[in-house]
Every structure is written in structure tokens, then in C-alpha cells.
């Protein structure tokens, strides 16, 4: 797999973990702390999910 391909797989895996935690009722702050990532990343995934539901 190319480096770009691996980056896309890793990004999708991370987004899936974030979405799963949010669906389980965790707050964005809890998710950010749980996965040791920035709160902004969690909020971006949450916003993208809202946009996908509108379409």
C-alpha cells in the first residue's frame, strides 16, 4: 500500500472510533481525552456527520 493509501486508512479508522464514541453518548470533551486528540478534531468529525445526514 502506498503512503497516501495508508494515511487514508488511518484517517478513516480514527474517524470511525470518534463517531462510535459519540454515538455511545460520550461528550466531545470525553472523546478527545479518551483518544488523546484535540477537541477540534472531534468537533470537526461531529460537524461532518451532521452535514452527511442533511444530504
Foldseek 3Di string as FASTA:
>chain_A
DDPVVVVVVVVVVLLVQLVVVVVVPDDLVVSCVVVVHDSVVSVVSVVVVVVVVVD
